[in-house]
Amino acid sequence: MVVYKLIVLFVITLLITGCSSGAPASSLPSQTSLNQAAVPPSSLSISIAAFQYGQPIPQKFTCQGENVSPAMAWSGVPAGTKSLALVLEDPDAPGLTFIHWLIYNLPPTLSGLPEKVAAGDQVPGIGTQGPGSSASAGYTGPCPPSGKAHHYFFNLYALDLDPSLPTGLNAADLQRQMTGQRPIRVG
């Protein structure tokens, strides 16, 4: 199986304080299991108009604002892709990597996501959301504790897995489904 992986790093340069949910961080098998050695890049690209690489994530998309997911667009999905998956993670969270969003079973014909994707397991016409570190299915905006700035990775995977993965997968479950697949890291 082949997985193409696009990682877009958005760095919050302004500290967001006092909004930690107290929820335990997700227990991914390891950071390197999701961020394996890079292989030659594909033409897969992603953009988020509401904020740019290296710039603060606007308050609207955090726990201090409306806590809604940003609209995003992608292109260059490789031929033969059967489904896509998107994982938003914060590797700077205390303890383990905090999963802010997990959405999979995305059709390969989808060219992006609208702003404010509804919470819940199934999003009609879009895909399936699994529980993140907050234990709920849906987007959970950045909400780091006081201290250093956090980095947020929007990981987009082009999969050769049929878009029929079961409801309720967490990040570790999704990773197990992708075992043996080689990601391409772009960006």
Protein backbone atom coordinates (compact mmCIF):
# COMPACT_ATOMS: atom_id res chain seq x y z
CA MET A 1 0.00 0.00 0.00
CA VAL A 2 1.17 3.51 -0.69
CA VAL A 3 0.29 6.57 1.36
CA TYR A 4 1.15 10.04 0.21
CA LYS A 5 1.42 12.39 3.13
CA LEU A 6 1.40 16.14 3.03
CA ILE A 7 2.41 17.93 6.18
CA VAL A 8 1.76 21.60 6.44
CA LEU A 9 3.20 23.22 9.54
CA PHE A 10 1.48 26.21 11.00
CA VAL A 11 3.27 27.81 13.91
CA ILE A 12 1.42 29.81 16.50
CA THR A 13 3.78 32.62 17.28
CA LEU A 14 1.46 34.25 19.77
CA LEU A 15 0.93 32.32 22.95
CA ILE A 16 -2.60 31.22 23.68
CA THR A 17 -3.01 30.86 27.41
CA GLY A 18 -5.38 29.48 29.97
CA CYS A 19 -7.56 27.28 27.82
CA SER A 20 -6.26 23.78 28.38
CA SER A 21 -9.09 21.27 28.50
CA GLY A 22 -7.22 19.06 30.93
CA ALA A 23 -7.81 16.11 28.62
CA PRO A 24 -4.95 13.64 28.31
CA ALA A 25 -2.93 13.75 25.14
CA SER A 26 -3.49 11.04 22.56
CA SER A 27 -1.20 8.06 22.72
CA LEU A 28 0.19 7.74 19.23
CA PRO A 29 2.54 4.80 18.70
CA SER A 30 5.35 7.34 18.27
CA GLN A 31 5.91 10.64 16.54
CA THR A 32 8.23 8.98 14.05
CA SER A 33 5.54 6.49 13.05
CA LEU A 34 3.51 9.36 11.60
CA ASN A 35 6.52 11.33 10.40
CA GLN A 36 8.61 8.66 8.74
CA ALA A 37 11.62 9.50 6.63
CA ALA A 38 10.72 11.65 3.69
CA VAL A 39 10.57 10.15 0.23
CA PRO A 40 10.38 12.15 -3.00
CA PRO A 41 7.55 14.69 -2.85
CA SER A 42 4.38 14.43 -4.88
CA SER A 43 2.45 17.30 -6.38
CA LEU A 44 0.03 17.20 -3.42
CA SER A 45 -0.43 20.67 -1.93
CA ILE A 46 -2.70 22.23 0.66
CA SER A 47 -3.64 25.81 1.47
CA ILE A 48 -5.52 27.52 4.28
CA ALA A 49 -6.48 31.06 3.30
CA ALA A 50 -7.25 32.17 6.88
CA PHE A 51 -3.60 31.92 7.95
CA GLN A 52 -0.21 31.34 6.41
CA TYR A 53 2.79 29.20 7.27
CA GLY A 54 4.67 30.58 10.26
CA GLN A 55 1.93 33.02 11.19
CA PRO A 56 -0.38 32.92 14.22
CA ILE A 57 -3.58 30.93 13.90
CA PRO A 58 -6.38 33.50 14.22
CA GLN A 59 -8.30 33.40 17.49
CA LYS A 60 -11.48 32.43 15.62
CA PHE A 61 -10.04 28.92 15.09
CA THR A 62 -8.91 28.45 18.73
CA CYS A 63 -10.59 27.70 22.05
CA GLN A 64 -10.50 31.42 22.82
CA GLY A 65 -12.63 32.20 19.76
CA GLU A 66 -15.33 30.35 17.86
CA ASN A 67 -13.32 27.10 17.93
CA VAL A 68 -14.26 26.28 14.32
CA SER A 69 -12.20 24.46 11.73
CA PRO A 70 -10.63 26.58 8.98
CA ALA A 71 -11.57 26.16 5.34
CA MET A 72 -8.81 24.50 3.36
CA ALA A 73 -8.14 23.41 -0.18
CA TRP A 74 -5.81 20.83 -1.65
CA SER A 75 -4.75 19.69 -5.07
CA GLY A 76 -2.49 17.14 -6.70
CA VAL A 77 -4.10 14.04 -5.19
CA PRO A 78 -2.13 11.14 -6.72
CA ALA A 79 -3.81 8.84 -9.24
CA GLY A 80 -5.06 5.65 -7.62
CA THR A 81 -5.91 7.33 -4.31
CA LYS A 82 -8.99 5.67 -2.81
CA SER A 83 -9.45 7.94 0.20
CA LEU A 84 -7.89 10.80 2.13
CA ALA A 85 -7.35 11.38 5.83
CA LEU A 86 -6.49 14.57 7.72
CA VAL A 87 -4.94 14.69 11.18
CA LEU A 88 -4.26 17.94 13.07
CA GLU A 89 -1.72 17.42 15.83
CA ASP A 90 0.26 19.40 18.38
CA PRO A 91 3.54 17.63 19.19
CA ASP A 92 4.42 20.35 21.74
CA ALA A 93 1.58 19.43 24.11
CA PRO A 94 2.63 18.32 27.58
CA GLY A 95 3.00 14.56 27.58
CA LEU A 96 2.16 13.01 24.23
CA THR A 97 1.11 14.48 20.89
CA PHE A 98 -2.32 16.11 21.22
CA ILE A 99 -4.70 15.27 18.38
CA HIS A 100 -6.96 18.24 17.60
CA TRP A 101 -8.76 16.74 14.62
CA LEU A 102 -9.02 13.40 12.89
CA ILE A 103 -11.12 13.06 9.75
CA TYR A 104 -10.88 10.12 7.36
CA ASN A 105 -12.86 8.30 4.64
CA LEU A 106 -12.61 11.53 2.65
CA PRO A 107 -13.31 10.86 -1.04
CA PRO A 108 -10.29 11.47 -3.29
CA THR A 109 -12.43 13.73 -5.47
CA LEU A 110 -12.83 16.15 -2.56
CA SER A 111 -10.66 19.22 -3.11
CA GLY A 112 -10.86 20.66 0.39
CA LEU A 113 -12.99 21.26 3.46
CA PRO A 114 -15.35 24.12 4.26
CA GLU A 115 -14.98 26.28 7.33
CA LYS A 116 -16.79 25.02 10.44
CA VAL A 117 -17.07 21.31 9.65
CA ALA A 118 -19.82 20.04 11.96
CA ALA A 119 -18.88 17.88 14.95
CA GLY A 120 -19.95 14.25 15.03
CA ASP A 121 -18.89 10.88 13.71
CA GLN A 122 -20.31 11.23 10.19
CA VAL A 123 -20.19 14.41 8.13
CA PRO A 124 -22.48 13.94 5.10
CA GLY A 125 -20.66 14.37 1.81
CA ILE A 126 -17.31 14.71 3.57
CA GLY A 127 -16.22 11.76 5.71
CA THR A 128 -15.85 10.25 9.16
CA GLN A 129 -14.42 12.02 12.22
CA GLY A 130 -12.70 10.05 14.92
CA PRO A 131 -12.16 11.07 18.52
CA GLY A 132 -9.17 13.29 19.11
CA SER A 133 -7.40 13.79 22.40
CA SER A 134 -10.47 15.59 23.78
CA ALA A 135 -12.40 12.32 23.20
CA SER A 136 -14.94 13.98 20.92
CA ALA A 137 -15.36 13.55 17.17
CA GLY A 138 -14.75 16.87 15.48
CA TYR A 139 -12.39 19.80 15.38
CA THR A 140 -10.88 21.01 18.66
CA GLY A 141 -9.00 24.26 18.12
CA PRO A 142 -5.56 25.05 19.49
CA CYS A 143 -5.63 25.69 23.21
CA PRO A 144 -2.11 25.38 24.61
CA PRO A 145 -1.29 26.04 28.25
CA SER A 146 0.79 29.09 29.19
CA GLY A 147 4.39 28.97 28.11
CA LYS A 148 6.17 28.43 24.84
CA ALA A 149 4.53 28.65 21.43
CA HIS A 150 3.13 25.42 19.99
CA HIS A 151 3.43 24.02 16.46
CA TYR A 152 0.43 22.53 14.68
CA PHE A 153 0.71 19.99 11.87
CA PHE A 154 -2.10 19.49 9.36
CA ASN A 155 -1.24 16.01 8.04
CA LEU A 156 -3.05 15.09 4.83
CA TYR A 157 -2.78 11.45 3.74
CA ALA A 158 -3.63 10.11 0.28
CA LEU A 159 -4.51 6.47 0.93
CA ASP A 160 -5.12 3.38 -1.12
CA LEU A 161 -7.65 2.27 1.51
CA ASP A 162 -11.31 2.18 0.53
CA PRO A 163 -13.33 4.96 2.22
CA SER A 164 -15.07 2.42 4.42
CA LEU A 165 -13.00 2.49 7.59
CA PRO A 166 -15.21 2.06 10.66
CA THR A 167 -16.55 4.89 12.77
CA GLY A 168 -14.72 5.67 15.99
CA LEU A 169 -11.09 5.24 14.94
CA ASN A 170 -8.66 7.33 16.98
CA ALA A 171 -5.22 8.38 15.70
CA ALA A 172 -3.55 5.15 16.85
CA ASP A 173 -6.29 3.06 15.17
CA LEU A 174 -5.89 5.02 11.93
CA GLN A 175 -2.12 4.58 12.10
CA ARG A 176 -2.58 0.80 12.43
CA GLN A 177 -4.78 0.85 9.30
CA MET A 178 -1.94 2.64 7.48
CA THR A 179 0.84 0.30 8.69
CA GLY A 180 3.23 -0.60 5.94
CA GLN A 181 2.33 2.37 3.81
CA ARG A 182 5.01 4.91 2.91
CA PRO A 183 4.13 8.56 3.43
CA ILE A 184 5.47 11.34 1.26
CA ARG A 185 6.29 14.40 3.30
CA VAL A 186 5.82 17.68 1.48
CA GLY A 187 6.23 21.20 2.82
